[in-house]
């Protein structure tokens, strides 16, 4: 069955290690669009941080944001939002404070932090598209929050994960988007669900979707898609779930995945004829 919808992760997949789109990926996305494959971005980033990439790539505004907690359809129309309960926000921030861990808190279009830390400066250098603002715990626990990220050394992430799993139970979902990032989301949020909701809104069947990623927050999306892809720098879990493995993010892996999909569509067209 022809692929009609492709969701690609951004960091570690579409972008090189310099956090810029590989030129071959940009050209391949253009070719995909011309052939009838709608390409959408699917990221842990919030919409306002993703918008620049979407515009630069000439995409139509449909995006899977915040690991599926926020989904925008055609022309940026919101079709899904699942935020965190206030008690989960309060518990998560209290844990981060007691553990002395840097924490980012996200709304639909803003990033808030509690204070200046070395991790904040590293985060600014990585993201570059949106600068965090300062806020108090009191303000954040009364605000509509989409997700929270704890940032720490990679070896500390399993410790924080175990502690928060015990504290939060089934009230939230935890995932990891980079070795230093532990993300706290609604228990109903993941990129796989986001892709499903977006596909349904576009009238695209599961078998007509494809997705590619590199890290644990991409796992459900790669598993759900009709064709799942993994760049060679992906973690083992994503590689195991993928149908196709392509070169790394620094070697235009997304372009190679698109080439595969285009060739597959061409074969399907021949069979149909």
Protein backbone atom coordinates (compact mmCIF):
# COMPACT_ATOMS: atom_id res chain seq x y z
CA UNK A 1 0.00 0.00 0.00
CA UNK A 2 1.31 3.46 -0.94
CA UNK A 3 2.69 5.68 1.81
CA UNK A 4 0.77 8.95 2.06
CA UNK A 5 1.95 10.35 5.39
CA UNK A 6 5.48 10.42 6.82
CA UNK A 7 6.26 11.61 10.35
CA UNK A 8 9.89 12.38 11.09
CA UNK A 9 11.50 13.14 14.41
CA UNK A 10 13.62 16.29 14.49
CA UNK A 11 16.58 16.13 16.91
CA UNK A 12 18.89 13.19 16.26
CA UNK A 13 16.96 12.23 13.12
CA UNK A 14 16.16 15.06 10.71
CA UNK A 15 18.80 17.40 12.16
CA UNK A 16 22.53 16.77 12.14
CA UNK A 17 24.57 16.91 15.33
CA UNK A 18 24.89 20.65 14.63
CA UNK A 19 21.07 20.91 15.08
CA UNK A 20 20.48 21.95 11.46
CA UNK A 21 18.60 20.03 8.73
CA UNK A 22 20.85 18.01 6.44
CA UNK A 23 20.66 19.52 2.95
CA UNK A 24 19.87 16.13 1.41
CA UNK A 25 16.98 15.72 3.84
CA UNK A 26 15.57 19.10 2.79
CA UNK A 27 15.67 18.12 -0.88
CA UNK A 28 14.18 14.68 -0.19
CA UNK A 29 11.27 16.22 1.74
CA UNK A 30 10.56 18.43 -1.28
CA UNK A 31 10.56 15.38 -3.56
CA UNK A 32 8.32 13.48 -1.17
CA UNK A 33 5.77 16.28 -1.24
CA UNK A 34 5.82 16.43 -5.02
CA UNK A 35 5.16 12.68 -5.16
CA UNK A 36 2.13 12.89 -2.87
CA UNK A 37 3.69 12.01 0.50
CA UNK A 38 2.76 14.55 3.18
CA UNK A 39 5.73 15.01 5.54
CA UNK A 40 5.08 16.17 9.11
CA UNK A 41 7.42 16.86 12.00
CA UNK A 42 7.04 14.82 15.18
CA UNK A 43 9.06 16.03 18.13
CA UNK A 44 9.35 16.38 21.86
CA UNK A 45 9.63 20.12 21.18
CA UNK A 46 6.62 22.36 21.62
CA UNK A 47 4.92 23.86 18.57
CA UNK A 48 6.56 27.28 18.79
CA UNK A 49 9.99 25.63 18.81
CA UNK A 50 9.08 23.46 15.80
CA UNK A 51 7.50 26.20 13.68
CA UNK A 52 10.74 27.52 12.19
CA UNK A 53 11.73 24.09 10.88
CA UNK A 54 8.25 23.49 9.46
CA UNK A 55 8.32 26.83 7.64
CA UNK A 56 11.87 26.36 6.33
CA UNK A 57 10.90 22.96 4.92
CA UNK A 58 7.77 24.33 3.28
CA UNK A 59 5.43 22.06 5.25
CA UNK A 60 1.71 22.73 5.69
CA UNK A 61 1.59 23.30 9.45
CA UNK A 62 0.53 19.82 10.56
CA UNK A 63 2.78 18.73 13.46
CA UNK A 64 3.00 16.21 16.27
CA UNK A 65 4.32 18.29 19.18
CA UNK A 66 5.41 17.56 22.74
CA UNK A 67 5.71 13.82 22.11
CA UNK A 68 2.09 13.57 21.00
CA UNK A 69 0.59 15.62 23.80
CA UNK A 70 -0.25 18.38 21.33
CA UNK A 71 -1.16 17.73 17.68
CA UNK A 72 -1.82 20.29 14.96
CA UNK A 73 -3.64 19.42 11.74
CA UNK A 74 -3.71 21.24 8.43
CA UNK A 75 -2.75 24.91 8.58
CA UNK A 76 -1.83 24.56 12.25
CA UNK A 77 -5.34 23.86 13.56
CA UNK A 78 -5.20 22.18 16.98
CA UNK A 79 -6.75 18.73 16.89
CA UNK A 80 -5.42 17.25 20.14
CA UNK A 81 -4.21 18.58 23.49
CA UNK A 82 -3.59 16.41 26.55
CA UNK A 83 -1.86 18.24 29.38
CA UNK A 84 -0.69 17.24 32.83
CA UNK A 85 -2.98 17.23 35.90
CA UNK A 86 -2.04 19.94 38.41
CA UNK A 87 -1.19 17.38 41.08
CA UNK A 88 1.30 15.71 38.73
CA UNK A 89 2.92 19.08 38.05
CA UNK A 90 3.18 19.81 41.77
CA UNK A 91 4.63 16.38 42.60
CA UNK A 92 7.14 16.50 39.74
CA UNK A 93 8.41 19.98 40.56
CA UNK A 94 8.67 19.15 44.26
CA UNK A 95 10.75 16.08 43.41
CA UNK A 96 13.04 18.08 41.11
CA UNK A 97 13.58 20.69 43.81
CA UNK A 98 14.33 18.10 46.51
CA UNK A 99 16.73 16.25 44.20
CA UNK A 100 18.44 19.45 43.04
CA UNK A 101 17.68 18.67 39.39
CA UNK A 102 17.23 21.21 36.61
CA UNK A 103 13.64 21.19 35.34
CA UNK A 104 11.94 22.66 32.25
CA UNK A 105 8.17 23.16 32.28
CA UNK A 106 6.23 23.63 29.04
CA UNK A 107 2.93 25.17 28.02
CA UNK A 108 1.64 25.15 24.43
CA UNK A 109 4.06 27.88 23.37
CA UNK A 110 6.39 28.73 26.26
CA UNK A 111 9.18 27.13 28.29
CA UNK A 112 9.55 28.01 31.97
CA UNK A 113 12.43 27.30 34.34
CA UNK A 114 12.83 27.91 38.05
CA UNK A 115 16.34 29.34 38.01
CA UNK A 116 19.58 29.73 36.07
CA UNK A 117 21.70 26.54 36.00
CA UNK A 118 24.55 25.16 33.84
CA UNK A 119 22.00 22.81 32.25
CA UNK A 120 19.89 25.78 31.20
CA UNK A 121 22.75 27.27 29.23
CA UNK A 122 23.36 23.93 27.49
CA UNK A 123 19.65 23.71 26.69
CA UNK A 124 19.66 27.22 25.18
CA UNK A 125 22.57 26.23 22.94
CA UNK A 126 20.77 23.10 21.78
CA UNK A 127 17.30 24.48 21.12
CA UNK A 128 18.03 28.03 19.91
CA UNK A 129 14.52 28.47 18.47
CA UNK A 130 12.83 29.43 21.76
CA UNK A 131 14.26 30.94 24.93
CA UNK A 132 13.02 29.81 28.39
CA UNK A 133 11.46 32.25 30.84
CA UNK A 134 11.63 32.20 34.66
CA UNK A 135 8.63 31.33 36.83
CA UNK A 136 7.83 30.18 40.35
CA UNK A 137 6.49 26.80 41.41
CA UNK A 138 3.35 28.54 42.63
CA UNK A 139 2.71 30.00 39.18
CA UNK A 140 3.43 26.73 37.37
CA UNK A 141 1.17 24.61 39.56
CA UNK A 142 -1.73 26.91 38.64
CA UNK A 143 -0.95 26.99 34.91
CA UNK A 144 -2.01 24.62 32.12
CA UNK A 145 1.16 22.54 31.67
CA UNK A 146 1.80 20.30 28.68
CA UNK A 147 4.93 18.50 29.85
CA UNK A 148 7.93 18.65 32.17
CA UNK A 149 11.55 17.65 31.54
CA UNK A 150 14.17 16.85 34.17
CA UNK A 151 17.71 17.35 32.84
CA UNK A 152 20.67 15.62 34.45
CA UNK A 153 23.68 13.46 33.73
CA UNK A 154 22.72 10.30 31.76
CA UNK A 155 23.68 7.97 34.61
CA UNK A 156 21.26 9.79 36.93
CA UNK A 157 18.22 9.49 34.64
CA UNK A 158 17.33 5.89 35.65
CA UNK A 159 17.40 6.94 39.32
CA UNK A 160 15.02 9.84 38.69
CA UNK A 161 12.82 7.65 36.52
CA UNK A 162 12.44 5.00 39.21
CA UNK A 163 11.63 7.61 41.85
CA UNK A 164 9.05 9.37 39.70
CA UNK A 165 7.43 6.13 38.58
CA UNK A 166 6.82 5.37 42.24
CA UNK A 167 5.56 8.89 42.99
CA UNK A 168 3.34 9.32 39.94
CA UNK A 169 2.19 5.78 39.20
CA UNK A 170 -0.30 5.71 36.32
CA UNK A 171 -1.08 9.44 36.59
CA UNK A 172 1.64 10.27 34.05
CA UNK A 173 3.83 8.69 31.38
CA UNK A 174 7.62 8.92 31.40
CA UNK A 175 9.86 8.82 28.38
CA UNK A 176 13.38 9.86 27.35
CA UNK A 177 14.19 12.04 24.35
CA UNK A 178 17.96 12.45 24.82
CA UNK A 179 20.43 10.78 27.19
CA UNK A 180 20.06 13.70 29.66
CA UNK A 181 16.29 14.24 29.35
CA UNK A 182 13.54 12.55 31.37
CA UNK A 183 10.13 13.70 30.12
CA UNK A 184 6.89 13.67 32.11
CA UNK A 185 3.73 13.61 29.98
CA UNK A 186 0.05 12.86 30.27
CA UNK A 187 -0.53 9.13 30.57
CA UNK A 188 -2.44 9.45 27.28
CA UNK A 189 0.40 11.09 25.33
CA UNK A 190 2.98 9.55 23.01
CA UNK A 191 4.03 10.09 19.40
CA UNK A 192 2.27 6.92 18.27
CA UNK A 193 -1.05 8.23 19.51
CA UNK A 194 -0.29 11.61 17.97
CA UNK A 195 0.38 10.02 14.58
CA UNK A 196 -2.84 8.01 14.81
CA UNK A 197 -4.92 11.11 15.59
CA UNK A 198 -3.28 13.11 12.82
CA UNK A 199 -3.68 10.30 10.27
CA UNK A 200 -7.37 9.94 11.12
CA UNK A 201 -7.90 13.69 10.71
CA UNK A 202 -6.35 13.49 7.24
CA UNK A 203 -8.24 10.37 6.18
CA UNK A 204 -5.03 8.33 6.01
CA UNK A 205 -5.05 4.67 7.03
CA UNK A 206 -2.43 3.21 9.34
CA UNK A 207 -1.00 1.13 6.50
CA UNK A 208 -0.44 4.35 4.54
CA UNK A 209 1.75 5.96 7.23
CA UNK A 210 5.49 5.89 7.86
CA UNK A 211 7.62 7.22 10.71
CA UNK A 212 11.31 7.52 11.49
CA UNK A 213 13.15 8.35 14.70
CA UNK A 214 16.13 7.72 16.92
CA UNK A 215 15.25 7.77 20.63
CA UNK A 216 12.88 6.21 23.16
CA UNK A 217 10.22 8.89 22.69
CA UNK A 218 9.98 7.78 19.04
CA UNK A 219 9.33 4.13 19.88
CA UNK A 220 5.51 4.11 19.89
CA UNK A 221 5.42 6.09 16.64
CA UNK A 222 7.79 3.74 14.84
CA UNK A 223 5.83 0.76 16.16
CA UNK A 224 2.44 2.17 15.10
CA UNK A 225 3.37 3.34 11.60
CA UNK A 226 2.75 1.18 8.56
CA UNK A 227 6.47 1.47 7.80
CA UNK A 228 8.83 2.22 10.66
CA UNK A 229 12.33 3.55 10.16
CA UNK A 230 15.36 4.08 12.39
CA UNK A 231 18.54 6.04 11.73
CA UNK A 232 21.72 4.11 12.50
CA UNK A 233 22.41 6.31 15.55
CA UNK A 234 19.07 5.23 17.07
CA UNK A 235 18.87 3.38 20.37
CA UNK A 236 18.51 -0.40 20.23
CA UNK A 237 14.79 -0.38 21.11
CA UNK A 238 13.91 1.83 18.13
CA UNK A 239 16.10 -0.18 15.76
CA UNK A 240 14.39 -3.38 16.89
CA UNK A 241 10.94 -1.88 16.25
CA UNK A 242 11.81 -0.51 12.80
CA UNK A 243 11.16 -2.19 9.48
CA UNK A 244 13.98 -0.27 7.82
CA UNK A 245 17.31 1.01 9.11
CA UNK A 246 19.05 3.86 7.28
CA UNK A 247 22.28 5.83 7.76
CA UNK A 248 22.68 8.24 10.68
CA UNK A 249 21.29 11.73 11.11
CA UNK A 250 24.68 13.09 10.01
CA UNK A 251 24.52 10.99 6.82
CA UNK A 252 21.07 12.11 5.61
CA UNK A 253 19.26 9.06 6.94
CA UNK A 254 15.84 10.69 6.49
CA UNK A 255 16.60 11.25 2.80
CA UNK A 256 17.48 7.57 2.41
CA UNK A 257 14.23 6.58 4.16
CA UNK A 258 12.27 8.83 1.82
CA UNK A 259 14.06 7.25 -1.16
CA UNK A 260 12.97 3.85 0.14
CA UNK A 261 9.35 5.01 0.47
CA UNK A 262 9.34 6.55 -3.01
CA UNK A 263 10.70 3.34 -4.54
CA UNK A 264 8.13 1.34 -2.59
CA UNK A 265 5.32 3.59 -3.83
CA UNK A 266 6.59 3.23 -7.40
CA UNK A 267 6.43 -0.57 -7.09
CA UNK A 268 2.90 -0.33 -5.69
CA UNK A 269 1.89 1.83 -8.66
CA UNK A 270 3.26 -0.76 -11.09
CA UNK A 271 1.31 -3.51 -9.39
CA UNK A 272 -1.84 -1.41 -9.46
CA UNK A 273 -1.42 -0.84 -13.21
